[in-house]
Amino acid sequence: MSEFCRAYPAAYRLKYKVRATQEEIFGKRATIAEKGRIFGVYFPAKRLIAFFTSNALDTQDFIETIHHEVLGNFGLNTLRLSEKNA
């Protein structure tokens, strides 16, 4: 994670939680059977990203989730509308 933050310094502005299961963040009813496999989630109001280690099948899943949550969900919100449209 620290290597990623060095490459993308804006990622230092976020908080991170790493949990074993998605139920630890969303509650005991948020099972994979009920909600699907959740790899990560971004909470914009809290500037928080949570990752669920048991859902990642390998390191590549985790890396893709970091990119998706930080660059896609958080990063997209740092752009002006005209930049998003471009």
PDB file of N, CA and C in Angstrom:
ATOM      1  N   MET A   1       0.825  -1.192   0.000  1.00  0.00           N
ATOM      2  CA  MET A   1       0.000   0.000   0.000  1.00  0.00           C
ATOM      3  C   MET A   1       0.865   1.250   0.000  1.00  0.00           C
ATOM      4  N   SER A   2       1.939   1.246   0.774  1.00  0.00           N
ATOM      5  CA  SER A   2       2.789   2.430   0.827  1.00  0.00           C
ATOM      6  C   SER A   2       3.444   2.693  -0.530  1.00  0.00           C
ATOM      7  N   GLU A   3       3.772   1.636  -1.264  1.00  0.00           N
ATOM      8  CA  GLU A   3       4.328   1.810  -2.609  1.00  0.00           C
ATOM      9  C   GLU A   3       3.303   2.485  -3.517  1.00  0.00           C
ATOM     10  N   PHE A   4       2.061   2.066  -3.409  1.00  0.00           N
ATOM     11  CA  PHE A   4       0.986   2.671  -4.200  1.00  0.00           C
ATOM     12  C   PHE A   4       0.837   4.153  -3.851  1.00  0.00           C
ATOM     13  N   CYS A   5       0.867   4.480  -2.569  1.00  0.00           N
ATOM     14  CA  CYS A   5       0.719   5.878  -2.134  1.00  0.00           C
ATOM     15  C   CYS A   5       1.885   6.735  -2.600  1.00  0.00           C
ATOM     16  N   ARG A   6       3.077   6.159  -2.672  1.00  0.00           N
ATOM     17  CA  ARG A   6       4.209   6.929  -3.208  1.00  0.00           C
ATOM     18  C   ARG A   6       3.984   7.247  -4.678  1.00  0.00           C
ATOM     19  N   ALA A   7       3.420   6.318  -5.418  1.00  0.00           N
ATOM     20  CA  ALA A   7       3.152   6.537  -6.844  1.00  0.00           C
ATOM     21  C   ALA A   7       1.974   7.492  -7.052  1.00  0.00           C
ATOM     22  N   TYR A   8       0.998   7.464  -6.141  1.00  0.00           N
ATOM     23  CA  TYR A   8      -0.202   8.302  -6.221  1.00  0.00           C
ATOM     24  C   TYR A   8      -0.368   9.039  -4.887  1.00  0.00           C
ATOM     25  N   PRO A   9       0.371  10.134  -4.682  1.00  0.00           N
ATOM     26  CA  PRO A   9       0.389  10.812  -3.372  1.00  0.00           C
ATOM     27  C   PRO A   9      -0.978  11.231  -2.845  1.00  0.00           C
ATOM     28  N   ALA A  10      -1.935  11.482  -3.694  1.00  0.00           N
ATOM     29  CA  ALA A  10      -3.275  11.857  -3.214  1.00  0.00           C
ATOM     30  C   ALA A  10      -3.894  10.737  -2.380  1.00  0.00           C
ATOM     31  N   ALA A  11      -3.441   9.524  -2.580  1.00  0.00           N
ATOM     32  CA  ALA A  11      -3.967   8.386  -1.815  1.00  0.00           C
ATOM     33  C   ALA A  11      -3.627   8.494  -0.332  1.00  0.00           C
ATOM     34  N   TYR A  12      -2.623   9.297   0.011  1.00  0.00           N
ATOM     35  CA  TYR A  12      -2.299   9.520   1.430  1.00  0.00           C
ATOM     36  C   TYR A  12      -3.415  10.272   2.148  1.00  0.00           C
ATOM     37  N   ARG A  13      -4.278  10.957   1.410  1.00  0.00           N
ATOM     38  CA  ARG A  13      -5.364  11.731   2.020  1.00  0.00           C
ATOM     39  C   ARG A  13      -6.526  10.853   2.475  1.00  0.00           C
ATOM     40  N   LEU A  14      -6.464   9.578   2.174  1.00  0.00           N
ATOM     41  CA  LEU A  14      -7.549   8.661   2.513  1.00  0.00           C
ATOM     42  C   LEU A  14      -7.207   7.837   3.753  1.00  0.00           C
ATOM     43  N   LYS A  15      -8.247   7.299   4.367  1.00  0.00           N
ATOM     44  CA  LYS A  15      -8.086   6.331   5.448  1.00  0.00           C
ATOM     45  C   LYS A  15      -8.387   4.956   4.863  1.00  0.00           C
ATOM     46  N   TYR A  16      -7.801   3.931   5.461  1.00  0.00           N
ATOM     47  CA  TYR A  16      -7.964   2.581   4.950  1.00  0.00           C
ATOM     48  C   TYR A  16      -8.310   1.634   6.089  1.00  0.00           C
ATOM     49  N   LYS A  17      -9.179   0.689   5.772  1.00  0.00           N
ATOM     50  CA  LYS A  17      -9.466  -0.423   6.679  1.00  0.00           C
ATOM     51  C   LYS A  17      -9.280  -1.697   5.875  1.00  0.00           C
ATOM     52  N   VAL A  18      -8.588  -2.626   6.454  1.00  0.00           N
ATOM     53  CA  VAL A  18      -8.425  -3.944   5.846  1.00  0.00           C
ATOM     54  C   VAL A  18      -9.069  -4.933   6.806  1.00  0.00           C
ATOM     55  N   ARG A  19     -10.070  -5.627   6.314  1.00  0.00           N
ATOM     56  CA  ARG A  19     -10.811  -6.590   7.125  1.00  0.00           C
ATOM     57  C   ARG A  19     -10.813  -7.937   6.418  1.00  0.00           C
ATOM     58  N   ALA A  20     -11.006  -8.977   7.166  1.00  0.00           N
ATOM     59  CA  ALA A  20     -11.023 -10.322   6.593  1.00  0.00           C
ATOM     60  C   ALA A  20     -12.262 -10.537   5.728  1.00  0.00           C
ATOM     61  N   THR A  21     -13.425 -10.068   6.188  1.00  0.00           N
ATOM     62  CA  THR A  21     -14.671 -10.348   5.472  1.00  0.00           C
ATOM     63  C   THR A  21     -15.482  -9.072   5.262  1.00  0.00           C
ATOM     64  N   GLN A  22     -16.346  -9.110   4.279  1.00  0.00           N
ATOM     65  CA  GLN A  22     -17.220  -7.964   4.009  1.00  0.00           C
ATOM     66  C   GLN A  22     -18.257  -7.783   5.111  1.00  0.00           C
ATOM     67  N   GLU A  23     -18.579  -8.851   5.820  1.00  0.00           N
ATOM     68  CA  GLU A  23     -19.539  -8.769   6.921  1.00  0.00           C
ATOM     69  C   GLU A  23     -19.026  -7.872   8.051  1.00  0.00           C
ATOM     70  N   GLU A  24     -17.711  -7.770   8.188  1.00  0.00           N
ATOM     71  CA  GLU A  24     -17.147  -6.931   9.245  1.00  0.00           C
ATOM     72  C   GLU A  24     -17.431  -5.447   9.025  1.00  0.00           C
ATOM     73  N   ILE A  25     -17.692  -5.050   7.817  1.00  0.00           N
ATOM     74  CA  ILE A  25     -18.019  -3.653   7.511  1.00  0.00           C
ATOM     75  C   ILE A  25     -19.521  -3.480   7.336  1.00  0.00           C
ATOM     76  N   PHE A  26     -20.157  -4.400   6.626  1.00  0.00           N
ATOM     77  CA  PHE A  26     -21.563  -4.236   6.251  1.00  0.00           C
ATOM     78  C   PHE A  26     -22.554  -4.973   7.155  1.00  0.00           C
ATOM     79  N   GLY A  27     -22.084  -5.810   8.052  1.00  0.00           N
ATOM     80  CA  GLY A  27     -22.983  -6.549   8.929  1.00  0.00           C
ATOM     81  C   GLY A  27     -23.121  -8.002   8.513  1.00  0.00           C
ATOM     82  N   LYS A  28     -23.636  -8.810   9.430  1.00  0.00           N
ATOM     83  CA  LYS A  28     -23.653 -10.270   9.224  1.00  0.00           C
ATOM     84  C   LYS A  28     -24.550 -10.723   8.079  1.00  0.00           C
ATOM     85  N   ARG A  29     -25.462  -9.894   7.624  1.00  0.00           N
ATOM     86  CA  ARG A  29     -26.325 -10.273   6.484  1.00  0.00           C
ATOM     87  C   ARG A  29     -25.689  -9.985   5.130  1.00  0.00           C
ATOM     88  N   ALA A  30     -24.546  -9.346   5.136  1.00  0.00           N
ATOM     89  CA  ALA A  30     -23.875  -8.988   3.879  1.00  0.00           C
ATOM     90  C   ALA A  30     -22.941 -10.098   3.417  1.00  0.00           C
ATOM     91  N   THR A  31     -23.462 -11.292   3.353  1.00  0.00           N
ATOM     92  CA  THR A  31     -22.658 -12.441   2.932  1.00  0.00           C
ATOM     93  C   THR A  31     -22.454 -12.414   1.421  1.00  0.00           C
ATOM     94  N   ILE A  32     -21.505 -13.193   0.974  1.00  0.00           N
ATOM     95  CA  ILE A  32     -21.275 -13.314  -0.467  1.00  0.00           C
ATOM     96  C   ILE A  32     -22.516 -13.887  -1.135  1.00  0.00           C
ATOM     97  N   ALA A  33     -23.164 -14.830  -0.488  1.00  0.00           N
ATOM     98  CA  ALA A  33     -24.380 -15.429  -1.052  1.00  0.00           C
ATOM     99  C   ALA A  33     -25.485 -14.394  -1.233  1.00  0.00           C
ATOM    100  N   GLU A  34     -25.589 -13.449  -0.311  1.00  0.00           N
ATOM    101  CA  GLU A  34     -26.655 -12.436  -0.372  1.00  0.00           C
ATOM    102  C   GLU A  34     -26.294 -11.217  -1.214  1.00  0.00           C
ATOM    103  N   LYS A  35     -25.055 -10.746  -1.111  1.00  0.00           N
ATOM    104  CA  LYS A  35     -24.652  -9.473  -1.724  1.00  0.00           C
ATOM    105  C   LYS A  35     -23.632  -9.603  -2.836  1.00  0.00           C
ATOM    106  N   GLY A  36     -23.116 -10.814  -3.039  1.00  0.00           N
ATOM    107  CA  GLY A  36     -22.045 -10.988  -4.005  1.00  0.00           C
ATOM    108  C   GLY A  36     -20.694 -10.741  -3.356  1.00  0.00           C
ATOM    109  N   ARG A  37     -19.646 -11.036  -4.079  1.00  0.00           N
ATOM    110  CA  ARG A  37     -18.277 -10.878  -3.569  1.00  0.00           C
ATOM    111  C   ARG A  37     -17.865  -9.416  -3.714  1.00  0.00           C
ATOM    112  N   ILE A  38     -17.619  -8.754  -2.597  1.00  0.00           N
ATOM    113  CA  ILE A  38     -17.198  -7.355  -2.575  1.00  0.00           C
ATOM    114  C   ILE A  38     -15.706  -7.332  -2.263  1.00  0.00           C
ATOM    115  N   PHE A  39     -14.926  -6.769  -3.162  1.00  0.00           N
ATOM    116  CA  PHE A  39     -13.479  -6.733  -2.973  1.00  0.00           C
ATOM    117  C   PHE A  39     -13.056  -5.497  -2.179  1.00  0.00           C
ATOM    118  N   GLY A  40     -13.761  -4.396  -2.387  1.00  0.00           N
ATOM    119  CA  GLY A  40     -13.436  -3.156  -1.704  1.00  0.00           C
ATOM    120  C   GLY A  40     -14.583  -2.179  -1.856  1.00  0.00           C
ATOM    121  N   VAL A  41     -14.524  -1.117  -1.060  1.00  0.00           N
ATOM    122  CA  VAL A  41     -15.582  -0.115  -1.102  1.00  0.00           C
ATOM    123  C   VAL A  41     -14.999   1.233  -0.701  1.00  0.00           C
ATOM    124  N   TYR A  42     -15.500   2.293  -1.324  1.00  0.00           N
ATOM    125  CA  TYR A  42     -15.084   3.655  -1.003  1.00  0.00           C
ATOM    126  C   TYR A  42     -16.264   4.385  -0.383  1.00  0.00           C
ATOM    127  N   PHE A  43     -16.034   4.974   0.790  1.00  0.00           N
ATOM    128  CA  PHE A  43     -17.031   5.786   1.475  1.00  0.00           C
ATOM    129  C   PHE A  43     -16.601   7.246   1.355  1.00  0.00           C
ATOM    130  N   PRO A  44     -17.145   7.988   0.380  1.00  0.00           N
ATOM    131  CA  PRO A  44     -16.657   9.348   0.129  1.00  0.00           C
ATOM    132  C   PRO A  44     -16.799  10.298   1.314  1.00  0.00           C
ATOM    133  N   ALA A  45     -17.889  10.231   2.047  1.00  0.00           N
ATOM    134  CA  ALA A  45     -18.092  11.166   3.164  1.00  0.00           C
ATOM    135  C   ALA A  45     -17.031  10.978   4.247  1.00  0.00           C
ATOM    136  N   LYS A  46     -16.534   9.754   4.383  1.00  0.00           N
ATOM    137  CA  LYS A  46     -15.517   9.461   5.395  1.00  0.00           C
ATOM    138  C   LYS A  46     -14.105   9.452   4.818  1.00  0.00           C
ATOM    139  N   ARG A  47     -14.009   9.549   3.482  1.00  0.00           N
ATOM    140  CA  ARG A  47     -12.722   9.426   2.784  1.00  0.00           C
ATOM    141  C   ARG A  47     -12.029   8.132   3.220  1.00  0.00           C
ATOM    142  N   LEU A  48     -12.806   7.074   3.213  1.00  0.00           N
ATOM    143  CA  LEU A  48     -12.363   5.779   3.714  1.00  0.00           C
ATOM    144  C   LEU A  48     -12.525   4.717   2.637  1.00  0.00           C
ATOM    145  N   ILE A  49     -11.502   3.888   2.511  1.00  0.00           N
ATOM    146  CA  ILE A  49     -11.574   2.729   1.628  1.00  0.00           C
ATOM    147  C   ILE A  49     -11.383   1.488   2.481  1.00  0.00           C
ATOM    148  N   ALA A  50     -12.261   0.503   2.284  1.00  0.00           N
ATOM    149  CA  ALA A  50     -12.170  -0.763   3.009  1.00  0.00           C
ATOM    150  C   ALA A  50     -11.891  -1.881   2.008  1.00  0.00           C
ATOM    151  N   PHE A  51     -11.043  -2.801   2.411  1.00  0.00           N
ATOM    152  CA  PHE A  51     -10.695  -3.962   1.601  1.00  0.00           C
ATOM    153  C   PHE A  51     -11.010  -5.220   2.397  1.00  0.00           C
ATOM    154  N   PHE A  52     -11.371  -6.290   1.696  1.00  0.00           N
ATOM    155  CA  PHE A  52     -11.743  -7.555   2.340  1.00  0.00           C
ATOM    156  C   PHE A  52     -10.818  -8.653   1.848  1.00  0.00           C
ATOM    157  N   THR A  53      -9.888  -9.054   2.680  1.00  0.00           N
ATOM    158  CA  THR A  53      -8.822  -9.953   2.242  1.00  0.00           C
ATOM    159  C   THR A  53      -9.304 -11.335   1.828  1.00  0.00           C
ATOM    160  N   SER A  54     -10.333 -11.853   2.475  1.00  0.00           N
ATOM    161  CA  SER A  54     -10.786 -13.205   2.122  1.00  0.00           C
ATOM    162  C   SER A  54     -11.458 -13.256   0.753  1.00  0.00           C
ATOM    163  N   ASN A  55     -11.833 -12.113   0.221  1.00  0.00           N
ATOM    164  CA  ASN A  55     -12.487 -12.090  -1.088  1.00  0.00           C
ATOM    165  C   ASN A  55     -11.499 -12.025  -2.247  1.00  0.00           C
ATOM    166  N   ALA A  56     -10.271 -11.619  -1.972  1.00  0.00           N
ATOM    167  CA  ALA A  56      -9.261 -11.551  -3.028  1.00  0.00           C
ATOM    168  C   ALA A  56      -8.735 -12.953  -3.302  1.00  0.00           C
ATOM    169  N   LEU A  57      -8.799 -13.356  -4.543  1.00  0.00           N
ATOM    170  CA  LEU A  57      -8.336 -14.688  -4.915  1.00  0.00           C
ATOM    171  C   LEU A  57      -6.816 -14.748  -4.993  1.00  0.00           C
ATOM    172  N   ASP A  58      -6.200 -13.595  -5.306  1.00  0.00           N
ATOM    173  CA  ASP A  58      -4.748 -13.520  -5.386  1.00  0.00           C
ATOM    174  C   ASP A  58      -4.312 -12.060  -5.256  1.00  0.00           C
ATOM    175  N   THR A  59      -3.021 -11.826  -5.323  1.00  0.00           N
ATOM    176  CA  THR A  59      -2.486 -10.472  -5.179  1.00  0.00           C
ATOM    177  C   THR A  59      -3.017  -9.548  -6.271  1.00  0.00           C
ATOM    178  N   GLN A  60      -3.189 -10.067  -7.465  1.00  0.00           N
ATOM    179  CA  GLN A  60      -3.682  -9.244  -8.572  1.00  0.00           C
ATOM    180  C   GLN A  60      -5.078  -8.700  -8.275  1.00  0.00           C
ATOM    181  N   ASP A  61      -5.940  -9.499  -7.669  1.00  0.00           N
ATOM    182  CA  ASP A  61      -7.270  -9.013  -7.274  1.00  0.00           C
ATOM    183  C   ASP A  61      -7.152  -7.815  -6.345  1.00  0.00           C
ATOM    184  N   PHE A  62      -6.241  -7.897  -5.390  1.00  0.00           N
ATOM    185  CA  PHE A  62      -6.057  -6.817  -4.425  1.00  0.00           C
ATOM    186  C   PHE A  62      -5.531  -5.566  -5.122  1.00  0.00           C
ATOM    187  N   ILE A  63      -4.566  -5.713  -6.009  1.00  0.00           N
ATOM    188  CA  ILE A  63      -4.003  -4.572  -6.739  1.00  0.00           C
ATOM    189  C   ILE A  63      -5.075  -3.916  -7.597  1.00  0.00           C
ATOM    190  N   GLU A  64      -5.878  -4.705  -8.299  1.00  0.00           N
ATOM    191  CA  GLU A  64      -6.956  -4.155  -9.127  1.00  0.00           C
ATOM    192  C   GLU A  64      -7.991  -3.424  -8.271  1.00  0.00           C
ATOM    193  N   THR A  65      -8.260  -3.938  -7.087  1.00  0.00           N
ATOM    194  CA  THR A  65      -9.219  -3.294  -6.191  1.00  0.00           C
ATOM    195  C   THR A  65      -8.683  -1.961  -5.697  1.00  0.00           C
ATOM    196  N   ILE A  66      -7.408  -1.907  -5.346  1.00  0.00           N
ATOM    197  CA  ILE A  66      -6.797  -0.638  -4.938  1.00  0.00           C
ATOM    198  C   ILE A  66      -6.938   0.382  -6.059  1.00  0.00           C
ATOM    199  N   HIS A  67      -6.589  -0.004  -7.262  1.00  0.00           N
ATOM    200  CA  HIS A  67      -6.697   0.914  -8.399  1.00  0.00           C
ATOM    201  C   HIS A  67      -8.133   1.373  -8.607  1.00  0.00           C
ATOM    202  N   HIS A  68      -9.057   0.440  -8.549  1.00  0.00           N
ATOM    203  CA  HIS A  68     -10.464   0.783  -8.770  1.00  0.00           C
ATOM    204  C   HIS A  68     -10.970   1.759  -7.719  1.00  0.00           C
ATOM    205  N   GLU A  69     -10.723   1.468  -6.468  1.00  0.00           N
ATOM    206  CA  GLU A  69     -11.261   2.309  -5.391  1.00  0.00           C
ATOM    207  C   GLU A  69     -10.560   3.662  -5.310  1.00  0.00           C
ATOM    208  N   VAL A  70      -9.231   3.657  -5.375  1.00  0.00           N
ATOM    209  CA  VAL A  70      -8.491   4.917  -5.216  1.00  0.00           C
ATOM    210  C   VAL A  70      -8.540   5.751  -6.488  1.00  0.00           C
ATOM    211  N   LEU A  71      -8.156   5.170  -7.611  1.00  0.00           N
ATOM    212  CA  LEU A  71      -8.096   5.949  -8.850  1.00  0.00           C
ATOM    213  C   LEU A  71      -9.476   6.156  -9.465  1.00  0.00           C
ATOM    214  N   GLY A  72     -10.289   5.117  -9.441  1.00  0.00           N
ATOM    215  CA  GLY A  72     -11.612   5.224 -10.052  1.00  0.00           C
ATOM    216  C   GLY A  72     -12.599   5.987  -9.201  1.00  0.00           C
ATOM    217  N   ASN A  73     -12.866   5.490  -8.016  1.00  0.00           N
ATOM    218  CA  ASN A  73     -13.914   6.111  -7.191  1.00  0.00           C
ATOM    219  C   ASN A  73     -13.461   7.388  -6.510  1.00  0.00           C
ATOM    220  N   PHE A  74     -12.314   7.386  -5.811  1.00  0.00           N
ATOM    221  CA  PHE A  74     -11.825   8.605  -5.179  1.00  0.00           C
ATOM    222  C   PHE A  74     -11.285   9.574  -6.231  1.00  0.00           C
ATOM    223  N   GLY A  75     -10.429   9.079  -7.106  1.00  0.00           N
ATOM    224  CA  GLY A  75      -9.762   9.935  -8.090  1.00  0.00           C
ATOM    225  C   GLY A  75     -10.726  10.646  -9.014  1.00  0.00           C
ATOM    226  N   LEU A  76     -11.760   9.964  -9.428  1.00  0.00           N
ATOM    227  CA  LEU A  76     -12.746  10.576 -10.313  1.00  0.00           C
ATOM    228  C   LEU A  76     -13.401  11.788  -9.664  1.00  0.00           C
ATOM    229  N   ASN A  77     -13.572  11.731  -8.350  1.00  0.00           N
ATOM    230  CA  ASN A  77     -14.192  12.848  -7.644  1.00  0.00           C
ATOM    231  C   ASN A  77     -13.259  14.036  -7.457  1.00  0.00           C
ATOM    232  N   THR A  78     -11.984  13.891  -7.808  1.00  0.00           N
ATOM    233  CA  THR A  78     -11.051  15.012  -7.696  1.00  0.00           C
ATOM    234  C   THR A  78     -11.003  15.833  -8.978  1.00  0.00           C
ATOM    235  N   LEU A  79     -11.666  15.367 -10.017  1.00  0.00           N
ATOM    236  CA  LEU A  79     -11.663  16.057 -11.307  1.00  0.00           C
ATOM    237  C   LEU A  79     -12.875  16.981 -11.447  1.00  0.00           C
ATOM    238  N   ARG A  80     -12.676  18.061 -12.201  1.00  0.00           N
ATOM    239  CA  ARG A  80     -13.809  18.929 -12.531  1.00  0.00           C
ATOM    240  C   ARG A  80     -14.667  18.221 -13.578  1.00  0.00           C
ATOM    241  N   LEU A  81     -15.930  18.643 -13.702  1.00  0.00           N
ATOM    242  CA  LEU A  81     -16.849  18.019 -14.646  1.00  0.00           C
ATOM    243  C   LEU A  81     -16.288  18.035 -16.064  1.00  0.00           C
ATOM    244  N   SER A  82     -15.684  19.145 -16.479  1.00  0.00           N
ATOM    245  CA  SER A  82     -15.137  19.225 -17.834  1.00  0.00           C
ATOM    246  C   SER A  82     -14.015  18.201 -18.036  1.00  0.00           C
ATOM    247  N   GLU A  83     -13.235  17.932 -16.980  1.00  0.00           N
ATOM    248  CA  GLU A  83     -12.171  16.934 -17.079  1.00  0.00           C
ATOM    249  C   GLU A  83     -12.762  15.533 -17.163  1.00  0.00           C
ATOM    250  N   LYS A  84     -13.821  15.274 -16.403  1.00  0.00           N
ATOM    251  CA  LYS A  84     -14.487  13.981 -16.459  1.00  0.00           C
ATOM    252  C   LYS A  84     -15.063  13.741 -17.853  1.00  0.00           C
ATOM    253  N   ASN A  85     -15.685  14.759 -18.419  1.00  0.00           N
ATOM    254  CA  ASN A  85     -16.284  14.627 -19.751  1.00  0.00           C
ATOM    255  C   ASN A  85     -15.229  14.393 -20.820  1.00  0.00           C
ATOM    256  N   ALA A  86     -14.051  14.979 -20.654  1.00  0.00           N
ATOM    257  CA  ALA A  86     -12.962  14.801 -21.622  1.00  0.00           C
ATOM    258  C   ALA A  86     -12.467  13.373 -21.577  1.00  0.00           C
TER     259      ALA A  86
END
